[in-house]
Amino acid sequence: MKPRLLLFCAITLALAAGGCWYIYKTLYPGPSASAATATAAPQPGVQTINGETVVTVSPAVQKASHIEVAPLALATVQPDSTAWATVVDLQPLFDLSNRLAAARADLGTLTAQAGNSHTQYERSNVLFQDDRNVSQKTLQDARAVMQADQAKLKSATAAVSGLEATMRQQFGDVLASASMSPGSDLFQRLQSGRMVVLRVTLPVGFRGAAPARITADAPDGQVVAATKLSVSPLADPSVQGIPWFYAADRALPVGTRTSAHVPTPVPASQMLVIPDAAVVWYGGQQWAYVQTAQDHFTRRYVPASNEGDRGLLVTSGFHAGDRVVTQGAQLLLSEEQKPQGIATACKDPPECDD
């Protein structure tokens, strides 16, 4: 009986020791187990490296998320100045042109009529002097007709000169000369509506002569090229500056007010172009993500600058060759702003709401 009791006690002690050892290993894992767990844990999505916030995205995730990058390149930029532009109503010019054509026709008729009456008076005068072959009354009547025709001719000449001066005072020399020339291609294009005239007011203090060509913003967002015509004799009462006439090969509504981009005499410079697709807004400011390593992306501030045809023009904060994210920048911003270190008990966090 005593041997059985000893055996039973030995088995009981062995089981108790094994249970205690299992509980200890479970609650207090060794250093090797902790290291293995740390090695197996995934790296955090957002890190701080050299004082910069870096979003870590593996190449596989980049491919699956369609994240694309492109290197920055330098572009030659000619600085410009913004000016106000207004589409001029040319109906007064067309009306003046029609009145001038009628006045010139009257002038031609009266010129011929005055020439005939002058010839008739000279003939009557010769006959009167030659032994009075015509009466003195006939000579006097011929003189009166000649003087009346000369007065009408003088009045018609003044009317034509007045209309020409009015056209120059309102529309400048180039438009006035074009309207006075029946075969002018410029005037025909204006009449057909294929071309419009812009009154562009250069800003006060603009240095240098008005450029030969400028661009203007159309109502549909497109850029319209315009060619210089002449100084505008009339100014826009709502804008201070130097008004010029420019012709644009585009049909635009009369009275449209828009912005014109006028090249300045400042030498061209080299600037970096940040594509519009690379810019994201955060905190009321513009940012772009730069790929600093194969799986590292850093958000950098895009300073307020001029806007070019292909994007934003910058001179600081970026370097030529920097690889900026042109697709997927918003995904990186969402990942950067996502709370870090929050564990969930299920694979799909929205399902945990139930």
Protein backbone atom coordinates (compact mmCIF):
# COMPACT_ATOMS: atom_id res chain seq x y z
CA MET A 1 0.00 0.00 0.00
CA LYS A 2 2.83 2.35 0.82
CA PRO A 3 4.57 1.99 -2.59
CA ARG A 4 1.33 2.93 -4.37
CA LEU A 5 1.01 6.07 -2.28
CA LEU A 6 4.53 7.11 -3.07
CA LEU A 7 3.93 6.57 -6.81
CA PHE A 8 0.74 8.59 -6.72
CA CYS A 9 2.49 11.48 -4.94
CA ALA A 10 5.33 11.45 -7.50
CA ILE A 11 2.87 11.64 -10.43
CA THR A 12 0.97 14.46 -8.75
CA LEU A 13 4.14 16.51 -8.20
CA ALA A 14 5.24 15.95 -11.82
CA LEU A 15 1.91 17.15 -13.19
CA ALA A 16 1.94 20.20 -10.91
CA ALA A 17 5.49 21.12 -12.00
CA GLY A 18 4.56 20.76 -15.69
CA GLY A 19 1.50 22.99 -15.27
CA CYS A 20 3.51 25.69 -13.53
CA TRP A 21 6.15 25.63 -16.25
CA TYR A 22 3.49 25.96 -18.99
CA ILE A 23 1.88 28.92 -17.24
CA TYR A 24 5.28 30.62 -16.80
CA LYS A 25 6.25 30.20 -20.44
CA THR A 26 2.89 31.47 -21.56
CA LEU A 27 2.87 34.61 -19.42
CA TYR A 28 6.60 35.34 -19.61
CA PRO A 29 8.01 34.42 -23.02
CA GLY A 30 11.74 34.40 -23.39
CA PRO A 31 13.89 36.88 -25.33
CA SER A 32 14.03 34.71 -28.41
CA ALA A 33 10.24 34.54 -28.64
CA SER A 34 9.93 38.32 -28.31
CA ALA A 35 12.52 38.86 -31.02
CA ALA A 36 10.71 36.46 -33.32
CA THR A 37 7.42 38.26 -32.71
CA ALA A 38 9.04 41.63 -33.41
CA THR A 39 10.58 40.31 -36.60
CA ALA A 40 7.27 39.01 -37.83
CA ALA A 41 5.40 42.28 -37.12
CA PRO A 42 4.89 44.51 -40.20
CA GLN A 43 6.75 47.82 -40.47
CA PRO A 44 4.73 50.95 -39.72
CA GLY A 45 3.26 52.86 -42.72
CA VAL A 46 4.52 56.26 -41.54
CA GLN A 47 7.99 56.98 -40.15
CA THR A 48 10.13 59.99 -39.34
CA ILE A 49 13.47 59.91 -41.13
CA ASN A 50 15.95 62.80 -40.92
CA GLY A 51 13.23 65.07 -39.62
CA GLU A 52 10.86 64.32 -42.51
CA THR A 53 7.62 62.36 -42.40
CA VAL A 54 8.00 59.39 -44.72
CA VAL A 55 5.19 57.17 -45.99
CA THR A 56 6.39 53.63 -46.59
CA VAL A 57 4.69 51.73 -49.40
CA SER A 58 6.10 48.52 -50.78
CA PRO A 59 6.59 48.19 -54.55
CA ALA A 60 3.87 45.54 -54.67
CA VAL A 61 1.36 47.87 -53.00
CA GLN A 62 2.46 50.70 -55.28
CA LYS A 63 1.70 48.60 -58.32
CA ALA A 64 -1.64 47.46 -56.94
CA SER A 65 -2.62 51.04 -56.03
CA HIS A 66 -1.49 52.40 -59.43
CA ILE A 67 0.94 54.86 -57.84
CA GLU A 68 3.00 56.49 -60.61
CA VAL A 69 5.96 58.88 -60.45
CA ALA A 70 7.72 61.12 -62.97
CA PRO A 71 10.98 63.09 -62.77
CA LEU A 72 10.89 66.88 -62.63
CA ALA A 73 12.48 68.78 -65.50
CA LEU A 74 13.55 72.38 -66.01
CA ALA A 75 11.57 74.60 -68.35
CA THR A 76 12.46 77.97 -69.85
CA VAL A 77 9.90 80.48 -68.63
CA GLN A 78 9.37 84.02 -69.85
CA PRO A 79 7.88 86.08 -67.00
CA ASP A 80 4.64 87.84 -67.85
CA SER A 81 2.36 90.44 -66.34
CA THR A 82 -1.40 90.21 -66.00
CA ALA A 83 -3.54 92.89 -67.63
CA TRP A 84 -7.27 93.50 -68.10
CA ALA A 85 -8.73 92.89 -71.55
CA THR A 86 -12.16 93.76 -72.95
CA VAL A 87 -13.71 92.67 -76.25
CA VAL A 88 -14.45 95.91 -78.13
CA ASP A 89 -17.81 96.58 -79.78
CA LEU A 90 -16.92 97.24 -83.45
CA GLN A 91 -20.41 98.18 -84.62
CA PRO A 92 -19.60 101.93 -84.36
CA LEU A 93 -16.57 101.29 -86.58
CA PHE A 94 -18.71 99.51 -89.17
CA ASP A 95 -21.27 102.34 -89.09
CA LEU A 96 -18.56 104.95 -89.55
CA SER A 97 -17.12 102.92 -92.41
CA ASN A 98 -20.50 102.88 -94.18
CA ARG A 99 -20.97 106.61 -93.63
CA LEU A 100 -17.47 107.26 -94.92
CA ALA A 101 -18.13 105.19 -98.05
CA ALA A 102 -21.30 107.21 -98.74
CA ALA A 103 -19.51 110.49 -98.05
CA ARG A 104 -16.69 109.54 -100.40
CA ALA A 105 -19.22 108.68 -103.10
CA ASP A 106 -20.86 112.09 -102.66
CA LEU A 107 -17.43 113.69 -102.74
CA GLY A 108 -16.66 112.01 -106.06
CA THR A 109 -19.95 113.18 -107.54
CA LEU A 110 -19.50 116.74 -106.34
CA THR A 111 -15.89 116.79 -107.54
CA ALA A 112 -17.03 115.93 -111.05
CA GLN A 113 -19.92 118.36 -110.84
CA ALA A 114 -17.66 121.18 -109.63
CA GLY A 115 -15.24 120.44 -112.44
CA ASN A 116 -18.01 120.66 -115.06
CA SER A 117 -19.40 123.91 -113.68
CA HIS A 118 -15.92 125.40 -113.57
CA THR A 119 -15.37 124.41 -117.21
CA GLN A 120 -18.72 125.89 -118.18
CA TYR A 121 -17.87 129.16 -116.48
CA GLU A 122 -14.50 129.36 -118.25
CA ARG A 123 -16.17 128.75 -121.61
CA SER A 124 -18.81 131.40 -120.93
CA ASN A 125 -16.16 133.86 -119.83
CA VAL A 126 -14.14 133.35 -123.04
CA LEU A 127 -17.23 133.89 -125.17
CA PHE A 128 -18.20 136.98 -123.21
CA GLN A 129 -14.75 138.46 -123.61
CA ASP A 130 -14.80 137.64 -127.33
CA ASP A 131 -17.04 140.46 -128.46
CA ARG A 132 -19.74 139.47 -125.99
CA ASN A 133 -20.87 136.33 -127.79
CA VAL A 134 -22.87 135.45 -124.61
CA SER A 135 -24.78 137.78 -122.40
CA GLN A 136 -23.47 139.03 -119.11
CA LYS A 137 -26.37 137.28 -117.34
CA THR A 138 -25.28 133.93 -118.78
CA LEU A 139 -21.77 134.55 -117.48
CA GLN A 140 -23.11 135.48 -114.07
CA ASP A 141 -25.30 132.37 -113.92
CA ALA A 142 -22.31 130.18 -114.82
CA ARG A 143 -20.26 131.83 -112.07
CA ALA A 144 -23.02 131.23 -109.51
CA VAL A 145 -23.34 127.57 -110.43
CA MET A 146 -19.58 127.14 -110.22
CA GLN A 147 -19.39 128.78 -106.81
CA ALA A 148 -22.29 126.69 -105.47
CA ASP A 149 -20.65 123.48 -106.67
CA GLN A 150 -17.33 124.50 -105.14
CA ALA A 151 -19.07 125.17 -101.80
CA LYS A 152 -20.74 121.74 -101.92
CA LEU A 153 -17.40 120.16 -102.78
CA LYS A 154 -15.75 121.88 -99.86
CA SER A 155 -18.49 120.68 -97.52
CA ALA A 156 -18.21 117.09 -98.79
CA THR A 157 -14.44 117.17 -98.37
CA ALA A 158 -14.84 118.36 -94.79
CA ALA A 159 -17.38 115.58 -94.11
CA VAL A 160 -15.00 112.92 -95.37
CA SER A 161 -12.11 114.37 -93.36
CA GLY A 162 -14.30 114.55 -90.26
CA LEU A 163 -15.35 110.91 -90.55
CA GLU A 164 -11.77 109.79 -91.04
CA ALA A 165 -10.66 111.79 -87.99
CA THR A 166 -13.50 110.32 -85.91
CA MET A 167 -12.50 106.80 -86.84
CA ARG A 168 -8.87 107.46 -85.87
CA GLN A 169 -9.85 109.10 -82.59
CA GLN A 170 -12.01 106.14 -81.58
CA PHE A 171 -10.22 103.15 -83.09
CA GLY A 172 -6.64 104.15 -83.83
CA ASP A 173 -4.67 104.35 -87.06
CA VAL A 174 -4.53 100.63 -87.89
CA LEU A 175 -8.26 99.94 -87.61
CA ALA A 176 -9.15 103.24 -89.26
CA SER A 177 -6.83 102.56 -92.20
CA ALA A 178 -8.21 99.04 -92.55
CA SER A 179 -11.81 100.30 -92.64
CA MET A 180 -10.87 102.86 -95.31
CA SER A 181 -9.37 100.20 -97.58
CA PRO A 182 -12.06 98.19 -99.40
CA GLY A 183 -9.73 95.22 -99.96
CA SER A 184 -8.35 95.05 -96.41
CA ASP A 185 -8.19 91.44 -95.18
CA LEU A 186 -8.18 92.63 -91.56
CA PHE A 187 -11.41 94.57 -91.98
CA GLN A 188 -13.12 91.72 -93.83
CA ARG A 189 -12.27 89.27 -91.05
CA LEU A 190 -13.58 91.70 -88.45
CA GLN A 191 -16.82 92.17 -90.36
CA SER A 192 -17.32 88.41 -90.75
CA GLY A 193 -16.81 87.84 -87.01
CA ARG A 194 -13.78 85.59 -87.48
CA MET A 195 -11.65 88.07 -85.55
CA VAL A 196 -12.26 90.33 -82.56
CA VAL A 197 -10.44 93.32 -81.13
CA LEU A 198 -9.33 93.39 -77.50
CA ARG A 199 -8.62 96.58 -75.59
CA VAL A 200 -5.77 95.49 -73.31
CA THR A 201 -4.84 97.88 -70.51
CA LEU A 202 -1.20 97.41 -69.59
CA PRO A 203 -0.60 97.93 -65.85
CA VAL A 204 0.74 101.22 -64.58
CA GLY A 205 4.51 101.08 -64.45
CA PHE A 206 4.83 98.50 -67.23
CA ARG A 207 8.31 98.88 -68.62
CA GLY A 208 9.22 98.59 -72.25
CA ALA A 209 7.14 98.71 -75.39
CA ALA A 210 3.92 96.78 -75.73
CA PRO A 211 4.77 93.24 -76.94
CA ALA A 212 3.82 92.21 -80.45
CA ARG A 213 1.94 89.13 -79.22
CA ILE A 214 0.10 88.29 -76.00
CA THR A 215 -2.36 85.67 -74.79
CA ALA A 216 -5.78 86.07 -73.22
CA ASP A 217 -8.08 83.72 -71.31
CA ALA A 218 -11.26 82.80 -73.19
CA PRO A 219 -14.53 82.18 -71.30
CA ASP A 220 -14.22 78.43 -71.98
CA GLY A 221 -10.81 78.30 -70.27
CA GLN A 222 -8.75 78.12 -73.44
CA VAL A 223 -5.88 80.50 -74.17
CA VAL A 224 -6.27 82.84 -77.15
CA ALA A 225 -3.31 84.42 -78.94
CA ALA A 226 -3.60 88.09 -79.92
CA THR A 227 -1.52 90.38 -82.17
CA LYS A 228 -0.83 94.05 -81.49
CA LEU A 229 -2.61 96.60 -83.67
CA SER A 230 -2.05 100.09 -82.23
CA VAL A 231 -2.51 102.28 -79.20
CA SER A 232 -6.14 102.68 -78.19
CA PRO A 233 -7.19 106.36 -78.25
CA LEU A 234 -9.94 105.58 -75.72
CA ALA A 235 -9.21 104.10 -72.30
CA ASP A 236 -11.27 101.79 -70.11
CA PRO A 237 -12.68 104.12 -67.42
CA SER A 238 -12.65 101.32 -64.84
CA VAL A 239 -8.97 100.39 -65.27
CA GLN A 240 -5.91 102.57 -64.88
CA GLY A 241 -3.10 101.96 -67.33
CA ILE A 242 -2.03 102.20 -70.97
CA PRO A 243 -4.67 100.85 -73.41
CA TRP A 244 -3.68 99.00 -76.58
CA PHE A 245 -5.64 97.30 -79.32
CA TYR A 246 -4.94 93.61 -80.05
CA ALA A 247 -6.59 91.37 -82.64
CA ALA A 248 -7.53 87.79 -81.73
CA ASP A 249 -8.49 85.09 -84.26
CA ARG A 250 -11.41 83.89 -82.19
CA ALA A 251 -15.11 84.78 -82.01
CA LEU A 252 -15.77 86.15 -78.50
CA PRO A 253 -18.86 87.90 -77.10
CA VAL A 254 -18.72 91.68 -77.21
CA GLY A 255 -18.02 93.22 -73.81
CA THR A 256 -16.34 90.12 -72.39
CA ARG A 257 -13.83 91.05 -69.69
CA THR A 258 -10.95 88.69 -69.15
CA SER A 259 -7.29 88.51 -68.19
CA ALA A 260 -4.42 88.93 -70.63
CA HIS A 261 -0.91 87.64 -70.08
CA VAL A 262 1.66 90.14 -71.31
CA PRO A 263 5.32 89.09 -71.63
CA THR A 264 7.69 91.41 -69.78
CA PRO A 265 11.15 92.50 -70.92
CA VAL A 266 12.68 90.55 -68.01
CA PRO A 267 15.03 87.81 -69.33
CA ALA A 268 13.73 84.26 -69.41
CA SER A 269 14.69 81.96 -66.53
CA GLN A 270 14.82 78.24 -65.76
CA MET A 271 12.06 76.93 -63.47
CA LEU A 272 10.78 73.53 -62.40
CA VAL A 273 7.30 72.45 -63.48
CA ILE A 274 5.17 70.60 -60.90
CA PRO A 275 2.42 68.78 -62.86
CA ASP A 276 -1.12 69.65 -61.82
CA ALA A 277 -1.82 65.95 -61.20
CA ALA A 278 0.96 65.85 -58.56
CA VAL A 279 -0.54 68.61 -56.38
CA VAL A 280 -2.70 67.78 -53.36
CA TRP A 281 -4.32 70.24 -50.96
CA TYR A 282 -3.87 69.89 -47.22
CA GLY A 283 -4.31 72.55 -44.55
CA GLY A 284 -5.16 75.15 -47.18
CA GLN A 285 -1.77 74.71 -48.88
CA GLN A 286 -0.43 72.87 -51.90
CA TRP A 287 1.82 69.82 -51.52
CA ALA A 288 3.49 67.18 -53.66
CA TYR A 289 4.94 63.78 -52.78
CA VAL A 290 8.55 63.00 -53.73
CA GLN A 291 9.85 59.44 -53.96
CA THR A 292 13.05 59.49 -51.87
CA ALA A 293 13.62 55.71 -52.04
CA GLN A 294 12.05 52.73 -53.73
CA ASP A 295 9.40 52.48 -51.02
CA HIS A 296 9.65 55.90 -49.33
CA PHE A 297 7.55 58.97 -50.15
CA THR A 298 7.88 62.42 -48.55
CA ARG A 299 5.34 65.24 -48.75
CA ARG A 300 6.87 68.62 -49.64
CA TYR A 301 5.32 72.07 -49.70
CA VAL A 302 4.72 73.65 -53.11
CA PRO A 303 5.20 77.41 -52.72
CA ALA A 304 2.72 79.79 -54.30
CA SER A 305 4.04 80.52 -57.76
CA ASN A 306 3.10 81.24 -61.34
CA GLU A 307 0.96 78.76 -63.19
CA GLY A 308 2.24 77.57 -66.53
CA ASP A 309 0.68 75.59 -69.34
CA ARG A 310 1.78 72.26 -67.85
CA GLY A 311 1.59 72.95 -64.12
CA LEU A 312 2.98 75.08 -61.30
CA LEU A 313 6.33 76.80 -61.76
CA VAL A 314 8.64 76.68 -58.72
CA THR A 315 12.22 77.68 -57.94
CA SER A 316 12.63 76.26 -54.42
CA GLY A 317 11.80 73.14 -52.42
CA PHE A 318 12.43 70.79 -55.33
CA HIS A 319 15.33 69.82 -57.57
CA ALA A 320 15.63 68.72 -61.16
CA GLY A 321 15.27 64.96 -61.34
CA ASP A 322 13.12 64.63 -58.21
CA ARG A 323 10.56 61.89 -58.79
CA VAL A 324 7.14 63.27 -57.88
CA VAL A 325 3.96 61.25 -57.60
CA THR A 326 1.72 62.05 -60.55
CA GLN A 327 -0.95 59.46 -59.74
CA GLY A 328 -1.94 58.26 -56.30
CA ALA A 329 -0.83 61.30 -54.29
CA GLN A 330 -4.20 61.46 -52.55
CA LEU A 331 -3.80 57.83 -51.44
CA LEU A 332 -0.44 58.68 -49.85
CA LEU A 333 -1.97 61.65 -48.07
CA SER A 334 -4.74 59.43 -46.68
CA GLU A 335 -2.17 56.89 -45.50
CA GLU A 336 -0.09 59.61 -43.85
CA GLN A 337 -3.06 61.06 -41.99
CA LYS A 338 -4.44 57.66 -40.91
CA PRO A 339 -4.03 57.02 -37.13
CA GLN A 340 -1.07 54.75 -36.50
CA GLY A 341 -0.65 51.90 -33.96
CA ILE A 342 -4.35 51.06 -33.58
CA ALA A 343 -4.93 47.30 -33.58
CA THR A 344 -8.22 45.70 -34.53
CA ALA A 345 -9.60 42.25 -33.73
CA CYS A 346 -10.95 41.70 -37.24
CA LYS A 347 -9.50 42.00 -40.70
CA ASP A 348 -12.08 44.51 -41.94
CA PRO A 349 -12.44 47.38 -39.39
CA PRO A 350 -15.88 48.54 -40.62
CA GLU A 351 -17.31 45.13 -39.71
CA CYS A 352 -16.25 45.69 -36.10
CA ASP A 353 -19.02 48.27 -35.74
CA ASP A 354 -21.61 45.51 -35.51
